[in-house]
C-alpha atoms as a PDB file:
ATOM      1  CA  MET A   1      91.148 136.135 130.660  1.00  0.00           C
ATOM      2  CA  LYS A   2      88.537 133.410 131.214  1.00  0.00           C
ATOM      3  CA  LYS A   3      85.745 136.021 131.149  1.00  0.00           C
ATOM      4  CA  LYS A   4      87.094 137.432 127.909  1.00  0.00           C
ATOM      5  CA  LEU A   5      87.206 133.979 126.315  1.00  0.00           C
ATOM      6  CA  GLY A   6      83.674 133.307 127.487  1.00  0.00           C
ATOM      7  CA  LEU A   7      82.456 136.526 125.868  1.00  0.00           C
ATOM      8  CA  ILE A   8      84.177 135.645 122.594  1.00  0.00           C
ATOM      9  CA  THR A   9      82.637 132.173 122.651  1.00  0.00           C
ATOM     10  CA  SER A  10      79.189 133.619 123.245  1.00  0.00           C
ATOM     11  CA  LEU A  11      79.583 135.958 120.293  1.00  0.00           C
ATOM     12  CA  VAL A  12      80.702 133.086 118.084  1.00  0.00           C
ATOM     13  CA  LEU A  13      77.721 131.030 119.209  1.00  0.00           C
ATOM     14  CA  ALA A  14      75.400 133.880 118.405  1.00  0.00           C
ATOM     15  CA  ALA A  15      76.873 134.061 114.916  1.00  0.00           C
ATOM     16  CA  SER A  16      76.326 130.297 114.441  1.00  0.00           C
ATOM     17  CA  VAL A  17      79.970 129.723 113.547  1.00  0.00           C
ATOM     18  CA  LEU A  18      80.899 127.449 116.384  1.00  0.00           C
ATOM     19  CA  VAL A  19      83.981 125.476 117.256  1.00  0.00           C
ATOM     20  CA  THR A  20      84.029 125.305 121.064  1.00  0.00           C
ATOM     21  CA  ALA A  21      86.341 123.227 123.226  1.00  0.00           C
ATOM     22  CA  CYS A  22      84.692 120.979 125.787  1.00  0.00           C
ATOM     23  CA  GLY A  23      86.050 118.744 128.513  1.00  0.00           C
ATOM     24  CA  SER A  24      87.317 115.159 128.113  1.00  0.00           C
ATOM     25  CA  GLY A  25      88.916 115.839 124.734  1.00  0.00           C
ATOM     26  CA  ALA A  26      85.609 116.781 123.140  1.00  0.00           C
ATOM     27  CA  THR A  27      85.072 119.526 120.589  1.00  0.00           C
ATOM     28  CA  THR A  28      81.596 120.741 119.705  1.00  0.00           C
ATOM     29  CA  GLY A  29      80.653 122.179 116.339  1.00  0.00           C
ATOM     30  CA  THR A  30      77.012 123.268 116.383  1.00  0.00           C
ATOM     31  CA  GLY A  31      74.757 123.517 113.391  1.00  0.00           C
ATOM     32  CA  SER A  32      71.175 124.727 113.358  1.00  0.00           C
ATOM     33  CA  THR A  33      69.443 124.259 116.691  1.00  0.00           C
ATOM     34  CA  SER A  34      66.058 124.168 115.015  1.00  0.00           C
ATOM     35  CA  GLY A  35      66.768 120.891 113.238  1.00  0.00           C
ATOM     36  CA  GLY A  36      65.934 122.370 109.844  1.00  0.00           C
ATOM     37  CA  ALA A  37      62.634 123.321 108.291  1.00  0.00           C
ATOM     38  CA  SER A  38      60.718 120.690 110.255  1.00  0.00           C
ATOM     39  CA  GLY A  39      61.231 122.660 113.468  1.00  0.00           C
ATOM     40  CA  GLU A  40      62.459 119.519 115.255  1.00  0.00           C
ATOM     41  CA  LYS A  41      65.190 119.740 117.855  1.00  0.00           C
ATOM     42  CA  ALA A  42      68.676 119.364 116.396  1.00  0.00           C
ATOM     43  CA  LYS A  43      70.036 115.807 116.498  1.00  0.00           C
ATOM     44  CA  ARG A  44      73.162 115.539 118.634  1.00  0.00           C
ATOM     45  CA  ILE A  45      75.874 113.459 116.964  1.00  0.00           C
ATOM     46  CA  ALA A  46      79.020 112.235 118.738  1.00  0.00           C
ATOM     47  CA  LEU A  47      82.154 111.431 116.737  1.00  0.00           C
ATOM     48  CA  ILE A  48      84.420 109.117 118.769  1.00  0.00           C
ATOM     49  CA  MET A  49      87.927 109.263 117.280  1.00  0.00           C
ATOM     50  CA  ARG A  50      90.983 107.204 118.172  1.00  0.00           C
ATOM     51  CA  GLN A  51      93.177 110.091 117.072  1.00  0.00           C
ATOM     52  CA  ASN A  52      93.021 113.314 115.111  1.00  0.00           C
ATOM     53  CA  VAL A  53      96.356 113.593 113.320  1.00  0.00           C
ATOM     54  CA  GLY A  54      97.191 115.295 110.025  1.00  0.00           C
ATOM     55  CA  THR A  55      95.252 116.843 107.199  1.00  0.00           C
ATOM     56  CA  PHE A  56      93.481 113.599 106.245  1.00  0.00           C
ATOM     57  CA  SER A  57      91.729 113.590 109.632  1.00  0.00           C
ATOM     58  CA  ALA A  58      90.972 117.296 109.340  1.00  0.00           C
ATOM     59  CA  GLN A  59      89.297 116.827 105.959  1.00  0.00           C
ATOM     60  CA  TYR A  60      87.430 113.747 107.206  1.00  0.00           C
ATOM     61  CA  ILE A  61      86.063 115.727 110.192  1.00  0.00           C
ATOM     62  CA  ASN A  62      85.075 118.551 107.864  1.00  0.00           C
ATOM     63  CA  GLY A  63      83.102 116.057 105.776  1.00  0.00           C
ATOM     64  CA  VAL A  64      81.313 114.761 108.885  1.00  0.00           C
ATOM     65  CA  LYS A  65      80.574 118.297 110.076  1.00  0.00           C
ATOM     66  CA  THR A  66      79.247 119.373 106.663  1.00  0.00           C
ATOM     67  CA  GLU A  67      76.809 116.468 106.520  1.00  0.00           C
ATOM     68  CA  VAL A  68      75.688 116.895 110.142  1.00  0.00           C
ATOM     69  CA  GLU A  69      74.967 120.580 109.553  1.00  0.00           C
ATOM     70  CA  LYS A  70      73.194 119.760 106.285  1.00  0.00           C
ATOM     71  CA  ASN A  71      70.816 117.637 108.358  1.00  0.00           C
ATOM     72  CA  GLY A  72      70.363 120.397 110.948  1.00  0.00           C
ATOM     73  CA  GLY A  73      72.424 118.514 113.493  1.00  0.00           C
ATOM     74  CA  GLU A  74      74.991 119.323 116.161  1.00  0.00           C
ATOM     75  CA  LEU A  75      78.407 117.584 116.199  1.00  0.00           C
ATOM     76  CA  THR A  76      80.668 116.849 119.165  1.00  0.00           C
ATOM     77  CA  VAL A  77      84.110 115.360 118.462  1.00  0.00           C
ATOM     78  CA  PHE A  78      85.762 113.215 121.144  1.00  0.00           C
ATOM     79  CA  ASN A  79      89.491 112.746 120.414  1.00  0.00           C
ATOM     80  CA  ALA A  80      91.283 110.010 122.363  1.00  0.00           C
ATOM     81  CA  ASP A  81      94.834 110.989 121.304  1.00  0.00           C
ATOM     82  CA  THR A  82      95.634 107.323 120.365  1.00  0.00           C
ATOM     83  CA  ASP A  83      94.568 106.081 123.859  1.00  0.00           C
ATOM     84  CA  LEU A  84      92.085 103.217 123.419  1.00  0.00           C
ATOM     85  CA  ALA A  85      91.087 103.301 127.096  1.00  0.00           C
ATOM     86  CA  LYS A  86      90.228 106.984 126.722  1.00  0.00           C
ATOM     87  CA  MET A  87      88.348 106.183 123.518  1.00  0.00           C
ATOM     88  CA  ALA A  88      86.247 103.611 125.385  1.00  0.00           C
ATOM     89  CA  SER A  89      85.582 106.165 128.122  1.00  0.00           C
ATOM     90  CA  ASN A  90      84.541 108.738 125.519  1.00  0.00           C
ATOM     91  CA  LEU A  91      82.117 106.238 123.994  1.00  0.00           C
ATOM     92  CA  ASP A  92      80.606 105.523 127.418  1.00  0.00           C
ATOM     93  CA  ALA A  93      80.239 109.271 127.981  1.00  0.00           C
ATOM     94  CA  ALA A  94      78.417 109.693 124.668  1.00  0.00           C
ATOM     95  CA  VAL A  95      76.033 106.856 125.533  1.00  0.00           C
ATOM     96  CA  ASN A  96      75.388 108.220 129.021  1.00  0.00           C
ATOM     97  CA  GLN A  97      74.786 111.696 127.608  1.00  0.00           C
ATOM     98  CA  LYS A  98      72.149 110.164 125.301  1.00  0.00           C
ATOM     99  CA  PHE A  99      73.431 111.434 121.981  1.00  0.00           C
ATOM    100  CA  ASP A 100      71.024 110.809 119.095  1.00  0.00           C
ATOM    101  CA  GLY A 101      73.686 109.103 117.015  1.00  0.00           C
ATOM    102  CA  ILE A 102      77.277 107.938 117.468  1.00  0.00           C
ATOM    103  CA  LEU A 103      80.062 107.717 114.885  1.00  0.00           C
ATOM    104  CA  ILE A 104      83.165 105.665 115.720  1.00  0.00           C
ATOM    105  CA  ASP A 105      86.433 106.219 113.831  1.00  0.00           C
ATOM    106  CA  HIS A 106      89.278 103.649 113.874  1.00  0.00           C
ATOM    107  CA  GLY A 107      88.328 101.816 117.051  1.00  0.00           C
ATOM    108  CA  THR A 108      88.911  98.182 117.999  1.00  0.00           C
ATOM    109  CA  ALA A 109      86.494  95.489 119.116  1.00  0.00           C
ATOM    110  CA  GLU A 110      88.611  94.781 122.173  1.00  0.00           C
ATOM    111  CA  ALA A 111      88.217  98.351 123.448  1.00  0.00           C
ATOM    112  CA  LEU A 112      84.775  99.311 122.175  1.00  0.00           C
ATOM    113  CA  GLN A 113      82.612  96.214 121.702  1.00  0.00           C
ATOM    114  CA  GLN A 114      81.011  96.549 125.128  1.00  0.00           C
ATOM    115  CA  GLY A 115      80.333 100.274 124.785  1.00  0.00           C
ATOM    116  CA  THR A 116      78.908  99.852 121.297  1.00  0.00           C
ATOM    117  CA  GLN A 117      76.563  97.108 122.507  1.00  0.00           C
ATOM    118  CA  LYS A 118      75.475  99.402 125.345  1.00  0.00           C
ATOM    119  CA  ALA A 119      74.582 102.085 122.784  1.00  0.00           C
ATOM    120  CA  VAL A 120      72.627  99.565 120.706  1.00  0.00           C
ATOM    121  CA  ASP A 121      70.765  98.369 123.805  1.00  0.00           C
ATOM    122  CA  LYS A 122      69.782 101.977 124.480  1.00  0.00           C
ATOM    123  CA  LYS A 123      68.509 102.352 120.877  1.00  0.00           C
ATOM    124  CA  ILE A 124      71.236 104.850 119.926  1.00  0.00           C
ATOM    125  CA  PRO A 125      72.222 104.376 116.257  1.00  0.00           C
ATOM    126  CA  VAL A 126      75.938 103.667 115.836  1.00  0.00           C
ATOM    127  CA  VAL A 127      77.943 103.706 112.593  1.00  0.00           C
ATOM    128  CA  LEU A 128      81.576 102.601 112.401  1.00  0.00           C
ATOM    129  CA  PHE A 129      84.434 103.701 110.157  1.00  0.00           C
ATOM    130  CA  ASP A 130      87.419 101.359 109.735  1.00  0.00           C
ATOM    131  CA  THR A 131      86.573  99.575 112.994  1.00  0.00           C
ATOM    132  CA  ASP A 132      86.493  95.779 113.468  1.00  0.00           C
ATOM    133  CA  ILE A 133      83.375  95.578 115.672  1.00  0.00           C
ATOM    134  CA  ASN A 134      80.780  93.152 114.333  1.00  0.00           C
ATOM    135  CA  ILE A 135      77.287  93.712 115.724  1.00  0.00           C
ATOM    136  CA  PRO A 136      74.178  93.112 113.566  1.00  0.00           C
ATOM    137  CA  GLY A 137      72.518  96.403 112.707  1.00  0.00           C
ATOM    138  CA  VAL A 138      75.684  98.455 113.263  1.00  0.00           C
ATOM    139  CA  PRO A 139      76.908  99.516 109.795  1.00  0.00           C
ATOM    140  CA  VAL A 140      80.598  99.686 108.969  1.00  0.00           C
ATOM    141  CA  VAL A 141      81.742 102.331 106.497  1.00  0.00           C
ATOM    142  CA  ALA A 142      85.113 101.232 105.146  1.00  0.00           C
ATOM    143  CA  GLN A 143      87.596 101.990 102.461  1.00  0.00           C
ATOM    144  CA  ASP A 144      88.454  98.913 100.410  1.00  0.00           C
ATOM    145  CA  ASP A 145      91.760  98.491 102.237  1.00  0.00           C
ATOM    146  CA  ASN A 146      92.845  95.472 100.230  1.00  0.00           C
ATOM    147  CA  LYS A 147      92.291  97.419  97.018  1.00  0.00           C
ATOM    148  CA  LEU A 148      94.107 100.465  98.415  1.00  0.00           C
ATOM    149  CA  ALA A 149      97.150  98.311  99.129  1.00  0.00           C
ATOM    150  CA  GLU A 150      96.907  96.486  95.807  1.00  0.00           C
ATOM    151  CA  LEU A 151      96.739  99.688  93.739  1.00  0.00           C
ATOM    152  CA  SER A 152      99.772 101.253  95.415  1.00  0.00           C
ATOM    153  CA  LEU A 153     101.829  98.057  95.476  1.00  0.00           C
ATOM    154  CA  GLU A 154     101.123  97.127  91.849  1.00  0.00           C
ATOM    155  CA  LYS A 155     102.228 100.608  90.776  1.00  0.00           C
ATOM    156  CA  LEU A 156     105.450 100.074  92.737  1.00  0.00           C
ATOM    157  CA  ALA A 157     105.977  96.701  91.048  1.00  0.00           C
ATOM    158  CA  ALA A 158     105.310  98.123  87.570  1.00  0.00           C
ATOM    159  CA  ASP A 159     107.729 101.025  88.055  1.00  0.00           C
ATOM    160  CA  THR A 160     110.517  98.758  89.348  1.00  0.00           C
ATOM    161  CA  ASN A 161     109.951  95.868  86.918  1.00  0.00           C
ATOM    162  CA  GLY A 162     109.316  93.729  89.980  1.00  0.00           C
ATOM    163  CA  LYS A 163     112.889  93.956  91.249  1.00  0.00           C
ATOM    164  CA  GLY A 164     114.669  95.861  94.009  1.00  0.00           C
ATOM    165  CA  ASN A 165     114.893  96.490  97.738  1.00  0.00           C
ATOM    166  CA  ILE A 166     111.937  98.031  99.537  1.00  0.00           C
ATOM    167  CA  VAL A 167     111.202  99.536 102.936  1.00  0.00           C
ATOM    168  CA  LYS A 168     107.765  98.993 104.448  1.00  0.00           C
ATOM    169  CA  ILE A 169     106.241 101.519 106.848  1.00  0.00           C
ATOM    170  CA  TRP A 170     103.249 100.005 108.618  1.00  0.00           C
ATOM    171  CA  VAL A 171     101.826  99.588 112.109  1.00  0.00           C
ATOM    172  CA  ALA A 172      99.714  96.852 113.686  1.00  0.00           C
ATOM    173  CA  GLY A 173      96.622  97.336 115.828  1.00  0.00           C
ATOM    174  CA  PHE A 174      94.405  99.185 113.347  1.00  0.00           C
ATOM    175  CA  ALA A 175      91.726  97.309 111.380  1.00  0.00           C
ATOM    176  CA  PRO A 176      92.585  98.953 108.029  1.00  0.00           C
ATOM    177  CA  MET A 177      96.304  98.367 108.562  1.00  0.00           C
ATOM    178  CA  GLU A 178      95.748  94.686 109.259  1.00  0.00           C
ATOM    179  CA  LYS A 179      93.807  94.335 105.986  1.00  0.00           C
ATOM    180  CA  ARG A 180      96.534  96.169 104.061  1.00  0.00           C
ATOM    181  CA  GLN A 181      99.120  93.828 105.531  1.00  0.00           C
ATOM    182  CA  VAL A 182      97.243  90.804 104.158  1.00  0.00           C
ATOM    183  CA  THR A 183      97.536  92.261 100.660  1.00  0.00           C
ATOM    184  CA  TYR A 184     101.194  93.124 101.251  1.00  0.00           C
ATOM    185  CA  GLU A 185     101.961  89.513 102.187  1.00  0.00           C
ATOM    186  CA  ALA A 186     100.324  88.320  98.949  1.00  0.00           C
ATOM    187  CA  PHE A 187     102.363  90.938  97.073  1.00  0.00           C
ATOM    188  CA  GLN A 188     105.592  89.568  98.562  1.00  0.00           C
ATOM    189  CA  LYS A 189     104.773  86.103  97.254  1.00  0.00           C
ATOM    190  CA  LYS A 190     103.824  87.471  93.822  1.00  0.00           C
ATOM    191  CA  TYR A 191     107.050  89.495  93.467  1.00  0.00           C
ATOM    192  CA  PRO A 192     109.851  87.535  95.190  1.00  0.00           C
ATOM    193  CA  ASP A 193     112.510  89.751  93.581  1.00  0.00           C
ATOM    194  CA  LEU A 194     111.234  92.757  95.506  1.00  0.00           C
ATOM    195  CA  LYS A 195     113.013  92.232  98.807  1.00  0.00           C
ATOM    196  CA  GLU A 196     111.896  93.859 102.044  1.00  0.00           C
ATOM    197  CA  ILE A 197     115.104  95.070 103.715  1.00  0.00           C
ATOM    198  CA  ALA A 198     113.518  97.097 106.524  1.00  0.00           C
ATOM    199  CA  ALA A 199     110.128  97.559 108.160  1.00  0.00           C
ATOM    200  CA  PHE A 200     109.023  99.978 110.866  1.00  0.00           C
ATOM    201  CA  GLY A 201     106.171 102.264 111.879  1.00  0.00           C
ATOM    202  CA  SER A 202     104.342 103.625 114.883  1.00  0.00           C
ATOM    203  CA  ALA A 203     101.191 105.704 115.307  1.00  0.00           C
ATOM    204  CA  THR A 204     101.922 108.638 117.607  1.00  0.00           C
ATOM    205  CA  ASN A 205     100.742 112.193 118.100  1.00  0.00           C
ATOM    206  CA  ASN A 206     103.643 113.225 115.819  1.00  0.00           C
ATOM    207  CA  THR A 207     103.609 110.335 113.356  1.00  0.00           C
ATOM    208  CA  ALA A 208     105.081 112.166 110.364  1.00  0.00           C
ATOM    209  CA  LEU A 209     107.957 113.646 112.367  1.00  0.00           C
ATOM    210  CA  ASP A 210     108.693 110.373 114.161  1.00  0.00           C
ATOM    211  CA  THR A 211     108.632 108.530 110.828  1.00  0.00           C
ATOM    212  CA  GLN A 212     111.056 111.053 109.357  1.00  0.00           C
ATOM    213  CA  THR A 213     113.514 110.384 112.187  1.00  0.00           C
ATOM    214  CA  GLN A 214     113.202 106.624 111.732  1.00  0.00           C
ATOM    215  CA  MET A 215     113.593 106.899 107.955  1.00  0.00           C
ATOM    216  CA  GLU A 216     116.726 109.009 108.392  1.00  0.00           C
ATOM    217  CA  ALA A 217     118.219 106.134 110.387  1.00  0.00           C
ATOM    218  CA  ILE A 218     117.333 103.672 107.611  1.00  0.00           C
ATOM    219  CA  LEU A 219     118.982 105.903 105.004  1.00  0.00           C
ATOM    220  CA  LYS A 220     122.176 106.005 107.071  1.00  0.00           C
ATOM    221  CA  LYS A 221     122.117 102.227 107.319  1.00  0.00           C
ATOM    222  CA  TYR A 222     121.739 101.964 103.536  1.00  0.00           C
ATOM    223  CA  PRO A 223     123.783 104.951 102.311  1.00  0.00           C
ATOM    224  CA  ASN A 224     124.463 104.018  98.696  1.00  0.00           C
ATOM    225  CA  LYS A 225     122.375 104.693  95.621  1.00  0.00           C
ATOM    226  CA  GLY A 226     120.639 101.440  94.742  1.00  0.00           C
ATOM    227  CA  ASP A 227     120.559 100.156  98.317  1.00  0.00           C
ATOM    228  CA  ILE A 228     116.870 101.114  98.537  1.00  0.00           C
ATOM    229  CA  THR A 229     114.607 101.100  95.489  1.00  0.00           C
ATOM    230  CA  ALA A 230     111.300 102.180  96.981  1.00  0.00           C
ATOM    231  CA  VAL A 231     109.296 102.794 100.139  1.00  0.00           C
ATOM    232  CA  TRP A 232     105.758 101.528 100.657  1.00  0.00           C
ATOM    233  CA  ALA A 233     103.896 103.580 103.253  1.00  0.00           C
ATOM    234  CA  ALA A 234     100.563 102.192 104.463  1.00  0.00           C
ATOM    235  CA  TRP A 235      99.379 105.642 105.668  1.00  0.00           C
ATOM    236  CA  ASP A 236      99.966 109.143 104.332  1.00  0.00           C
ATOM    237  CA  GLU A 237     101.430 110.323 107.641  1.00  0.00           C
ATOM    238  CA  PHE A 238     104.133 107.684 107.123  1.00  0.00           C
ATOM    239  CA  ALA A 239     104.622 108.864 103.550  1.00  0.00           C
ATOM    240  CA  LYS A 240     105.098 112.485 104.650  1.00  0.00           C
ATOM    241  CA  GLY A 241     107.875 111.553 107.049  1.00  0.00           C
ATOM    242  CA  ALA A 242     109.602 109.218 104.591  1.00  0.00           C
ATOM    243  CA  THR A 243     109.385 111.776 101.773  1.00  0.00           C
ATOM    244  CA  ARG A 244     110.926 114.558 103.866  1.00  0.00           C
ATOM    245  CA  ALA A 245     113.759 112.303 105.043  1.00  0.00           C
ATOM    246  CA  ILE A 246     114.533 111.216 101.483  1.00  0.00           C
ATOM    247  CA  GLN A 247     114.462 114.797 100.179  1.00  0.00           C
ATOM    248  CA  GLN A 248     116.711 116.126 102.927  1.00  0.00           C
ATOM    249  CA  ALA A 249     119.199 113.323 102.347  1.00  0.00           C
ATOM    250  CA  GLY A 250     119.268 114.015  98.607  1.00  0.00           C
ATOM    251  CA  ARG A 251     118.196 110.423  97.908  1.00  0.00           C
ATOM    252  CA  THR A 252     115.291 111.149  95.558  1.00  0.00           C
ATOM    253  CA  GLU A 253     116.136 108.111  93.433  1.00  0.00           C
ATOM    254  CA  ILE A 254     114.138 106.279  96.139  1.00  0.00           C
ATOM    255  CA  LYS A 255     110.443 106.402  95.243  1.00  0.00           C
ATOM    256  CA  VAL A 256     107.555 106.480  97.711  1.00  0.00           C
ATOM    257  CA  TYR A 257     104.221 104.700  97.180  1.00  0.00           C
ATOM    258  CA  ALA A 258     101.483 105.282  99.717  1.00  0.00           C
ATOM    259  CA  ILE A 259      97.865 105.135 100.856  1.00  0.00           C
ATOM    260  CA  ASP A 260      95.557 108.098 101.632  1.00  0.00           C
ATOM    261  CA  LEU A 261      95.559 111.637 100.306  1.00  0.00           C
ATOM    262  CA  SER A 262      94.993 115.216 101.467  1.00  0.00           C
ATOM    263  CA  ASP A 263      95.687 118.737 100.177  1.00  0.00           C
ATOM    264  CA  GLU A 264      99.018 118.735 102.014  1.00  0.00           C
ATOM    265  CA  ASP A 265      99.922 115.398 100.424  1.00  0.00           C
ATOM    266  CA  LEU A 266      99.128 116.729  96.953  1.00  0.00           C
ATOM    267  CA  GLN A 267     101.487 119.652  97.502  1.00  0.00           C
ATOM    268  CA  MET A 268     104.258 117.232  98.478  1.00  0.00           C
ATOM    269  CA  ILE A 269     103.588 114.936  95.503  1.00  0.00           C
ATOM    270  CA  GLN A 270     103.711 117.918  93.117  1.00  0.00           C
ATOM    271  CA  ALA A 271     106.879 119.406  94.593  1.00  0.00           C
ATOM    272  CA  GLU A 272     109.901 119.488  92.295  1.00  0.00           C
ATOM    273  CA  ASN A 273     111.854 116.211  92.362  1.00  0.00           C
ATOM    274  CA  SER A 274     109.435 114.744  94.892  1.00  0.00           C
ATOM    275  CA  PRO A 275     110.027 111.038  95.538  1.00  0.00           C
ATOM    276  CA  TRP A 276     106.319 110.553  96.346  1.00  0.00           C
ATOM    277  CA  THR A 277     105.261 108.874  93.115  1.00  0.00           C
ATOM    278  CA  ALA A 278     101.736 107.567  93.681  1.00  0.00           C
ATOM    279  CA  THR A 279      99.106 107.127  96.354  1.00  0.00           C
ATOM    280  CA  ALA A 280      95.868 105.136  96.509  1.00  0.00           C
ATOM    281  CA  ALA A 281      93.042 106.922  98.267  1.00  0.00           C
ATOM    282  CA  VAL A 282      89.413 107.709  98.890  1.00  0.00           C
ATOM    283  CA  ASP A 283      88.439 111.371  99.334  1.00  0.00           C
ATOM    284  CA  PRO A 284      88.530 111.842 103.155  1.00  0.00           C
ATOM    285  CA  SER A 285      85.833 114.534 103.032  1.00  0.00           C
ATOM    286  CA  ASN A 286      83.583 112.118 101.176  1.00  0.00           C
ATOM    287  CA  ILE A 287      84.289 109.417 103.763  1.00  0.00           C
ATOM    288  CA  GLY A 288      83.158 111.826 106.485  1.00  0.00           C
ATOM    289  CA  ARG A 289      80.029 112.809 104.600  1.00  0.00           C
ATOM    290  CA  ILE A 290      79.014 109.191 103.988  1.00  0.00           C
ATOM    291  CA  HIS A 291      79.788 108.239 107.595  1.00  0.00           C
ATOM    292  CA  ALA A 292      77.493 110.997 108.897  1.00  0.00           C
ATOM    293  CA  GLN A 293      74.878 110.436 106.199  1.00  0.00           C
ATOM    294  CA  THR A 294      74.618 106.788 107.260  1.00  0.00           C
ATOM    295  CA  VAL A 295      73.929 107.625 110.920  1.00  0.00           C
ATOM    296  CA  PHE A 296      71.148 110.017 109.893  1.00  0.00           C
ATOM    297  CA  GLN A 297      69.643 107.241 107.770  1.00  0.00           C
ATOM    298  CA  LYS A 298      69.673 105.055 110.878  1.00  0.00           C
ATOM    299  CA  ILE A 299      68.108 107.827 112.974  1.00  0.00           C
ATOM    300  CA  LYS A 300      65.305 108.157 110.410  1.00  0.00           C
ATOM    301  CA  GLY A 301      64.675 104.411 110.525  1.00  0.00           C
ATOM    302  CA  GLU A 302      65.839 103.771 106.957  1.00  0.00           C
ATOM    303  CA  GLN A 303      67.295 100.455 105.891  1.00  0.00           C
ATOM    304  CA  VAL A 304      71.102 100.565 105.771  1.00  0.00           C
ATOM    305  CA  PRO A 305      73.421  97.688 104.756  1.00  0.00           C
ATOM    306  CA  ASP A 306      75.822  96.457 107.424  1.00  0.00           C
ATOM    307  CA  ASN A 307      78.770  97.153 105.118  1.00  0.00           C
ATOM    308  CA  VAL A 308      79.269 100.340 103.103  1.00  0.00           C
ATOM    309  CA  LYS A 309      82.477  99.995 101.085  1.00  0.00           C
ATOM    310  CA  LEU A 310      84.132 102.968  99.359  1.00  0.00           C
ATOM    311  CA  ASN A 311      86.125 102.421  96.169  1.00  0.00           C
ATOM    312  CA  PRO A 312      89.686 103.823  96.062  1.00  0.00           C
ATOM    313  CA  VAL A 313      91.514 105.517  93.199  1.00  0.00           C
ATOM    314  CA  LEU A 314      95.216 105.564  92.325  1.00  0.00           C
ATOM    315  CA  VAL A 315      96.547 109.116  92.050  1.00  0.00           C
ATOM    316  CA  LYS A 316      99.849 109.233  90.144  1.00  0.00           C
ATOM    317  CA  GLN A 317     102.359 112.050  90.164  1.00  0.00           C
ATOM    318  CA  GLU A 318     102.581 111.801  86.366  1.00  0.00           C
ATOM    319  CA  ASP A 319      98.867 112.618  86.006  1.00  0.00           C
ATOM    320  CA  LEU A 320      99.158 115.963  87.804  1.00  0.00           C
ATOM    321  CA  PRO A 321     100.033 119.247  86.061  1.00  0.00           C
ATOM    322  CA  LYS A 322     103.482 120.761  86.511  1.00  0.00           C
ATOM    323  CA  ASP A 323     102.349 124.379  86.100  1.00  0.00           C
ATOM    324  CA  LYS A 324      99.516 124.453  88.652  1.00  0.00           C
ATOM    325  CA  LYS A 325      99.029 123.355  92.247  1.00  0.00           C
ATOM    326  CA  VAL A 326      96.150 120.913  92.521  1.00  0.00           C
ATOM    327  CA  THR A 327      93.784 120.645  95.490  1.00  0.00           C
ATOM    328  CA  MET A 328      91.377 117.912  96.485  1.00  0.00           C
ATOM    329  CA  GLY A 329      88.593 120.123  95.160  1.00  0.00           C
ATOM    330  CA  ASP A 330      89.844 120.116  91.576  1.00  0.00           C
ATOM    331  CA  LEU A 331      91.636 116.747  91.531  1.00  0.00           C
ATOM    332  CA  SER A 332      88.842 115.192  89.436  1.00  0.00           C
ATOM    333  CA  GLN A 333      89.954 117.372  86.503  1.00  0.00           C
ATOM    334  CA  TYR A 334      93.148 115.312  86.316  1.00  0.00           C
ATOM    335  CA  VAL A 335      92.080 111.982  87.815  1.00  0.00           C
ATOM    336  CA  LYS A 336      88.711 111.222  86.230  1.00  0.00           C
ATOM    337  CA  GLU A 337      87.687 108.503  88.697  1.00  0.00           C
ATOM    338  CA  TRP A 338      88.210 110.771  91.702  1.00  0.00           C
ATOM    339  CA  GLY A 339      85.072 111.479  93.734  1.00  0.00           C
ATOM    340  CA  LYS A 340      82.898 108.969  91.841  1.00  0.00           C
END
């Protein structure tokens, strides 16, 4: 069996359509080995991820891969499966293997500051995404997390006339989540008649399913129509779980407001009688492209600002057609600001 798999892998490599599993949670996707028209050796890029969960992550990785291949590069993805110690080990491995550039996704300073500094000391360009490390010359690509939270929360407030009982789904320990929480706290002060009656959330390898189970328990605790007005989910994986629980319980009077978006999310938002009403997001594929583009700018010695902020857009259920399924690729036809 191993020989057969090896033969298949070799054939795939020869066809230049490569997605090969490596050790230590790494996955290699190889672009041109010639490095493009210049004939230079392909630049090896490491993507160090805290976790790879859901369609948002899949579309983000696809954006990274597309940009790396556009630049004649070779991508290796290291997935830590939510384990920060493993993530730090993966970063050390990438530094020791002398990758030409390193991308870090959703890390923490506590776990990765030392490894990132080691990469900088070895002249390996590093670019962060939604990571709270602060080292001069190490750019941070970030969604405007405060704006993401504000857009979704203000839509919730407008739809409820600023009154009702809400459930918050959020988790600590992630830089973007911490920023969203700051905006949520300001929102609570601004709308005192919107009462938080429950809050939960955990990032796992099955976040959507675990959230669904937790939301089912909340619905049993508050069984009557009017007990819960809305749910605010600070991540689309949370929104998926909450939406499914609400639908299965027949409680679609409860509306869901969220952050992040993917093709799967769009299908759920467009589903008949879906409680998922609005979500604030940046195109995950575009995030990946910009993340990778920035590391190639660093490799080429170009000047890059330390902060690259991406502007979010509010996508509302009411803006989407009822007679056609929308994808991320054609979303701009219905939400004009999307992708700009």
